[in-house]
Amino acid sequence: GSVAETFRVIQGTVTEEFVKSTQGVFQFELSGDGGGTWYIDLKTKGGGAGFGKPPVAADVVMSMSSADFVKMFTAKAFMALMAGNSSIKGDMMLTLSLEKVL
C-alpha cells in the first residue's frame, strides 16, 4: 500500500460524527516514498485528509517514514509504531483518538 492509498482509505472513514468527537488536526511529515506533508483534519466541518498542509493549524505533528505510516494504519500496529518510530509534537490524548480511524 502507498501513502496516497492509505489517505484515500482514511478519507473514507472520516465522518461528521468522528469529526465532532475528535476535534483535532493531525499533520504528518513523512520521509521516503510518497513522503512530504500530509494531514488528517478532524476538526473543521466535514473533515478531510490529503496531501499538503492542513486548512487550519495542526494540533499534532508526527514525523516518521512513509513506510512506517502505511504500516501504522494498515497493520493495526498503531500504538507500537507510534511509540517506537515517530516523533510526535502536540496533544498526546488527541493522537490516541486517531486509533478510531483504523
N, C-alpha and C. Protein backbone atom coordinates (compact mmCIF):
# COMPACT_ATOMS: atom_id res chain seq x y z
N GLY A 1 0.83 -1.21 0.00
CA GLY A 1 0.00 0.00 0.00
C GLY A 1 0.86 1.25 0.00
N SER A 2 0.40 2.28 -0.67
CA SER A 2 1.15 3.53 -0.74
C SER A 2 0.55 4.54 0.23
N VAL A 3 1.27 5.62 0.44
CA VAL A 3 0.79 6.69 1.32
C VAL A 3 -0.52 7.25 0.77
N ALA A 4 -0.56 7.53 -0.53
CA ALA A 4 -1.76 8.12 -1.14
C ALA A 4 -2.97 7.20 -0.97
N GLU A 5 -2.72 5.91 -1.15
CA GLU A 5 -3.78 4.91 -0.99
C GLU A 5 -4.30 4.92 0.44
N THR A 6 -3.37 4.95 1.39
CA THR A 6 -3.73 4.96 2.80
C THR A 6 -4.59 6.17 3.12
N PHE A 7 -4.22 7.33 2.56
CA PHE A 7 -5.02 8.53 2.81
C PHE A 7 -6.40 8.45 2.17
N ARG A 8 -6.49 7.78 1.04
CA ARG A 8 -7.80 7.59 0.42
C ARG A 8 -8.71 6.80 1.36
N VAL A 9 -8.14 5.74 1.93
CA VAL A 9 -8.90 4.91 2.87
C VAL A 9 -9.31 5.74 4.09
N ILE A 10 -8.36 6.51 4.61
CA ILE A 10 -8.64 7.34 5.78
C ILE A 10 -9.77 8.32 5.48
N GLN A 11 -9.70 8.93 4.31
CA GLN A 11 -10.73 9.89 3.90
C GLN A 11 -12.11 9.25 3.95
N GLY A 12 -12.17 7.98 3.54
CA GLY A 12 -13.43 7.26 3.53
C GLY A 12 -13.98 7.00 4.94
N THR A 13 -13.10 7.03 5.94
CA THR A 13 -13.56 6.74 7.29
C THR A 13 -13.88 8.01 8.09
N VAL A 14 -13.56 9.16 7.51
CA VAL A 14 -13.83 10.41 8.22
C VAL A 14 -15.31 10.76 8.11
N THR A 15 -16.01 10.67 9.22
CA THR A 15 -17.43 11.01 9.24
C THR A 15 -17.66 12.25 10.10
N GLU A 16 -18.79 12.87 9.87
CA GLU A 16 -19.21 14.05 10.63
C GLU A 16 -19.12 13.76 12.12
N GLU A 17 -19.61 12.58 12.47
CA GLU A 17 -19.67 12.10 13.85
C GLU A 17 -18.27 12.07 14.48
N PHE A 18 -17.37 11.49 13.70
CA PHE A 18 -15.99 11.30 14.11
C PHE A 18 -15.30 12.65 14.29
N VAL A 19 -15.58 13.57 13.36
CA VAL A 19 -15.01 14.92 13.46
C VAL A 19 -15.48 15.59 14.74
N LYS A 20 -16.78 15.47 15.00
CA LYS A 20 -17.36 16.06 16.21
C LYS A 20 -16.70 15.53 17.47
N SER A 21 -16.45 14.21 17.50
CA SER A 21 -15.93 13.62 18.73
C SER A 21 -14.42 13.82 18.89
N THR A 22 -13.72 14.10 17.80
CA THR A 22 -12.26 14.22 17.91
C THR A 22 -11.79 15.65 18.06
N GLN A 23 -12.23 16.51 17.13
CA GLN A 23 -11.85 17.92 17.18
C GLN A 23 -10.34 18.12 17.22
N GLY A 24 -9.66 17.53 16.26
CA GLY A 24 -8.21 17.69 16.18
C GLY A 24 -7.73 17.65 14.75
N VAL A 25 -6.59 18.30 14.51
CA VAL A 25 -5.99 18.28 13.19
C VAL A 25 -4.59 17.69 13.30
N PHE A 26 -4.32 16.69 12.46
CA PHE A 26 -3.04 15.97 12.51
C PHE A 26 -2.25 16.25 11.25
N GLN A 27 -0.99 16.57 11.44
CA GLN A 27 -0.11 16.79 10.30
C GLN A 27 0.98 15.74 10.36
N PHE A 28 1.30 15.16 9.20
CA PHE A 28 2.32 14.13 9.12
C PHE A 28 3.45 14.60 8.24
N GLU A 29 4.66 14.57 8.77
CA GLU A 29 5.84 14.89 7.98
C GLU A 29 6.49 13.55 7.66
N LEU A 30 6.28 13.09 6.43
CA LEU A 30 6.74 11.75 6.06
C LEU A 30 7.99 11.83 5.19
N SER A 31 8.94 10.95 5.50
CA SER A 31 10.16 10.88 4.70
C SER A 31 10.12 9.61 3.87
N GLY A 32 10.75 9.61 2.72
CA GLY A 32 10.78 8.42 1.88
C GLY A 32 9.74 8.47 0.78
N ASP A 33 9.43 7.31 0.23
CA ASP A 33 8.49 7.17 -0.88
C ASP A 33 7.14 7.80 -0.59
N GLY A 34 6.69 8.69 -1.44
CA GLY A 34 5.37 9.29 -1.26
C GLY A 34 5.33 10.19 -0.05
N GLY A 35 6.50 10.59 0.40
CA GLY A 35 6.58 11.43 1.59
C GLY A 35 6.15 12.86 1.34
N GLY A 36 6.48 13.72 2.29
CA GLY A 36 6.04 15.10 2.23
C GLY A 36 5.11 15.40 3.38
N THR A 37 4.37 16.47 3.25
CA THR A 37 3.43 16.87 4.29
C THR A 37 2.03 16.40 3.93
N TRP A 38 1.39 15.68 4.85
CA TRP A 38 0.03 15.20 4.68
C TRP A 38 -0.77 15.58 5.92
N TYR A 39 -2.07 15.52 5.84
CA TYR A 39 -2.86 15.88 7.02
C TYR A 39 -4.13 15.06 7.11
N ILE A 40 -4.64 14.98 8.34
CA ILE A 40 -5.98 14.46 8.59
C ILE A 40 -6.68 15.52 9.42
N ASP A 41 -7.76 16.06 8.88
CA ASP A 41 -8.49 17.14 9.54
C ASP A 41 -9.74 16.55 10.18
N LEU A 42 -9.73 16.49 11.51
CA LEU A 42 -10.90 16.00 12.25
C LEU A 42 -11.43 17.13 13.12
N LYS A 43 -11.44 18.33 12.53
CA LYS A 43 -11.89 19.49 13.29
C LYS A 43 -12.86 20.35 12.50
N THR A 44 -12.50 20.73 11.28
CA THR A 44 -13.38 21.61 10.52
C THR A 44 -14.55 20.80 9.96
N LYS A 45 -15.63 21.47 9.64
CA LYS A 45 -16.87 20.80 9.25
C LYS A 45 -16.63 19.78 8.13
N GLY A 46 -17.07 18.55 8.38
CA GLY A 46 -16.92 17.52 7.37
C GLY A 46 -15.57 16.82 7.40
N GLY A 47 -14.55 17.51 7.90
CA GLY A 47 -13.24 16.91 7.99
C GLY A 47 -12.63 16.64 6.63
N GLY A 48 -11.53 15.94 6.63
CA GLY A 48 -10.87 15.62 5.38
C GLY A 48 -9.47 15.10 5.63
N ALA A 49 -8.84 14.65 4.56
CA ALA A 49 -7.49 14.13 4.66
C ALA A 49 -6.85 14.27 3.29
N GLY A 50 -5.55 14.48 3.27
CA GLY A 50 -4.90 14.57 1.98
C GLY A 50 -3.50 15.13 2.05
N PHE A 51 -3.00 15.50 0.88
CA PHE A 51 -1.64 15.97 0.74
C PHE A 51 -1.56 17.47 1.00
N GLY A 52 -0.49 17.87 1.64
CA GLY A 52 -0.27 19.30 1.86
C GLY A 52 -0.49 19.68 3.30
N LYS A 53 -0.44 20.97 3.56
CA LYS A 53 -0.66 21.48 4.91
C LYS A 53 -2.15 21.45 5.22
N PRO A 54 -2.52 21.20 6.48
CA PRO A 54 -3.95 21.21 6.81
C PRO A 54 -4.52 22.62 6.66
N PRO A 55 -5.84 22.71 6.47
CA PRO A 55 -6.51 24.01 6.26
C PRO A 55 -6.43 24.92 7.49
N VAL A 56 -6.29 24.32 8.67
CA VAL A 56 -6.10 25.10 9.90
C VAL A 56 -4.87 24.54 10.61
N ALA A 57 -4.35 25.27 11.58
CA ALA A 57 -3.13 24.84 12.25
C ALA A 57 -3.29 23.46 12.87
N ALA A 58 -2.26 22.64 12.74
CA ALA A 58 -2.31 21.28 13.27
C ALA A 58 -2.18 21.28 14.79
N ASP A 59 -2.94 20.38 15.44
CA ASP A 59 -2.82 20.20 16.88
C ASP A 59 -1.70 19.22 17.20
N VAL A 60 -1.46 18.32 16.27
CA VAL A 60 -0.44 17.29 16.45
C VAL A 60 0.37 17.18 15.16
N VAL A 61 1.69 17.19 15.31
CA VAL A 61 2.55 16.96 14.15
C VAL A 61 3.37 15.70 14.41
N MET A 62 3.27 14.75 13.50
CA MET A 62 4.01 13.49 13.64
C MET A 62 5.01 13.36 12.51
N SER A 63 6.24 13.01 12.85
CA SER A 63 7.26 12.80 11.83
C SER A 63 7.67 11.34 11.84
N MET A 64 7.66 10.74 10.67
CA MET A 64 8.06 9.33 10.56
C MET A 64 8.32 9.01 9.09
N SER A 65 8.77 7.80 8.83
CA SER A 65 8.97 7.41 7.43
C SER A 65 7.61 7.02 6.84
N SER A 66 7.49 7.18 5.54
CA SER A 66 6.21 6.86 4.91
C SER A 66 5.90 5.37 5.06
N ALA A 67 6.93 4.53 5.06
CA ALA A 67 6.72 3.08 5.23
C ALA A 67 6.09 2.80 6.60
N ASP A 68 6.57 3.47 7.63
CA ASP A 68 6.02 3.28 8.98
C ASP A 68 4.60 3.80 9.06
N PHE A 69 4.35 4.91 8.36
CA PHE A 69 3.00 5.47 8.36
C PHE A 69 2.00 4.47 7.79
N VAL A 70 2.34 3.91 6.64
CA VAL A 70 1.46 2.94 5.98
C VAL A 70 1.26 1.73 6.89
N LYS A 71 2.36 1.26 7.50
CA LYS A 71 2.28 0.13 8.42
C LYS A 71 1.36 0.44 9.59
N MET A 72 1.52 1.64 10.11
CA MET A 72 0.76 2.06 11.29
C MET A 72 -0.74 1.95 11.02
N PHE A 73 -1.16 2.37 9.82
CA PHE A 73 -2.59 2.38 9.52
C PHE A 73 -3.10 1.08 8.93
N THR A 74 -2.21 0.26 8.39
CA THR A 74 -2.71 -0.96 7.75
C THR A 74 -2.49 -2.18 8.62
N ALA A 75 -1.42 -2.19 9.39
CA ALA A 75 -1.11 -3.37 10.19
C ALA A 75 -1.77 -3.31 11.56
N LYS A 76 -2.50 -2.25 11.82
CA LYS A 76 -3.15 -2.07 13.11
C LYS A 76 -2.14 -2.09 14.26
N ALA A 77 -0.89 -1.81 13.91
CA ALA A 77 0.16 -1.81 14.93
C ALA A 77 0.35 -0.37 15.40
N PHE A 78 -0.78 0.29 15.58
CA PHE A 78 -0.75 1.73 15.83
C PHE A 78 0.11 2.12 17.03
N MET A 79 -0.22 1.58 18.18
CA MET A 79 0.47 2.01 19.40
C MET A 79 1.96 1.70 19.35
N ALA A 80 2.30 0.51 18.88
CA ALA A 80 3.70 0.09 18.85
C ALA A 80 4.52 1.01 17.95
N LEU A 81 4.00 1.26 16.77
CA LEU A 81 4.75 2.09 15.83
C LEU A 81 4.81 3.53 16.29
N MET A 82 3.71 3.96 16.86
CA MET A 82 3.67 5.34 17.31
C MET A 82 4.71 5.57 18.39
N ALA A 83 4.80 4.59 19.29
CA ALA A 83 5.73 4.73 20.40
C ALA A 83 7.17 4.64 19.90
N GLY A 84 7.42 3.72 18.97
CA GLY A 84 8.79 3.44 18.61
C GLY A 84 9.39 4.31 17.54
N ASN A 85 8.64 4.63 16.52
CA ASN A 85 9.28 5.13 15.31
C ASN A 85 8.92 6.55 14.90
N SER A 86 8.20 7.25 15.73
CA SER A 86 7.80 8.56 15.26
C SER A 86 8.11 9.61 16.30
N SER A 87 8.28 10.82 15.84
CA SER A 87 8.39 11.90 16.81
C SER A 87 7.06 12.63 16.75
N ILE A 88 6.50 12.88 17.90
CA ILE A 88 5.18 13.49 17.97
C ILE A 88 5.25 14.78 18.76
N LYS A 89 4.79 15.86 18.17
CA LYS A 89 4.70 17.13 18.88
C LYS A 89 3.23 17.47 19.01
N GLY A 90 2.80 17.77 20.21
CA GLY A 90 1.41 18.20 20.36
C GLY A 90 0.65 17.36 21.36
N ASP A 91 -0.63 17.30 21.17
CA ASP A 91 -1.56 16.73 22.13
C ASP A 91 -1.61 15.20 22.05
N MET A 92 -1.04 14.52 23.05
CA MET A 92 -1.00 13.07 23.03
C MET A 92 -2.39 12.43 23.10
N MET A 93 -3.28 13.01 23.90
CA MET A 93 -4.63 12.45 24.02
C MET A 93 -5.32 12.45 22.65
N LEU A 94 -5.14 13.52 21.92
CA LEU A 94 -5.71 13.61 20.58
C LEU A 94 -5.14 12.52 19.69
N THR A 95 -3.85 12.30 19.83
CA THR A 95 -3.18 11.31 19.00
C THR A 95 -3.82 9.94 19.20
N LEU A 96 -4.16 9.63 20.45
CA LEU A 96 -4.78 8.35 20.76
C LEU A 96 -6.13 8.21 20.06
N SER A 97 -6.83 9.32 19.89
CA SER A 97 -8.14 9.24 19.25
C SER A 97 -8.02 8.85 17.78
N LEU A 98 -6.83 9.03 17.20
CA LEU A 98 -6.60 8.63 15.82
C LEU A 98 -6.82 7.14 15.62
N GLU A 99 -6.63 6.40 16.70
CA GLU A 99 -6.77 4.95 16.61
C GLU A 99 -8.14 4.56 16.08
N LYS A 100 -9.14 5.40 16.35
CA LYS A 100 -10.51 5.11 15.90
C LYS A 100 -10.62 5.10 14.39
N VAL A 101 -9.69 5.77 13.72
CA VAL A 101 -9.73 5.83 12.27
C VAL A 101 -9.42 4.47 11.67
N LEU A 102 -8.66 3.67 12.42
CA LEU A 102 -8.11 2.44 11.87
C LEU A 102 -9.16 1.36 11.67
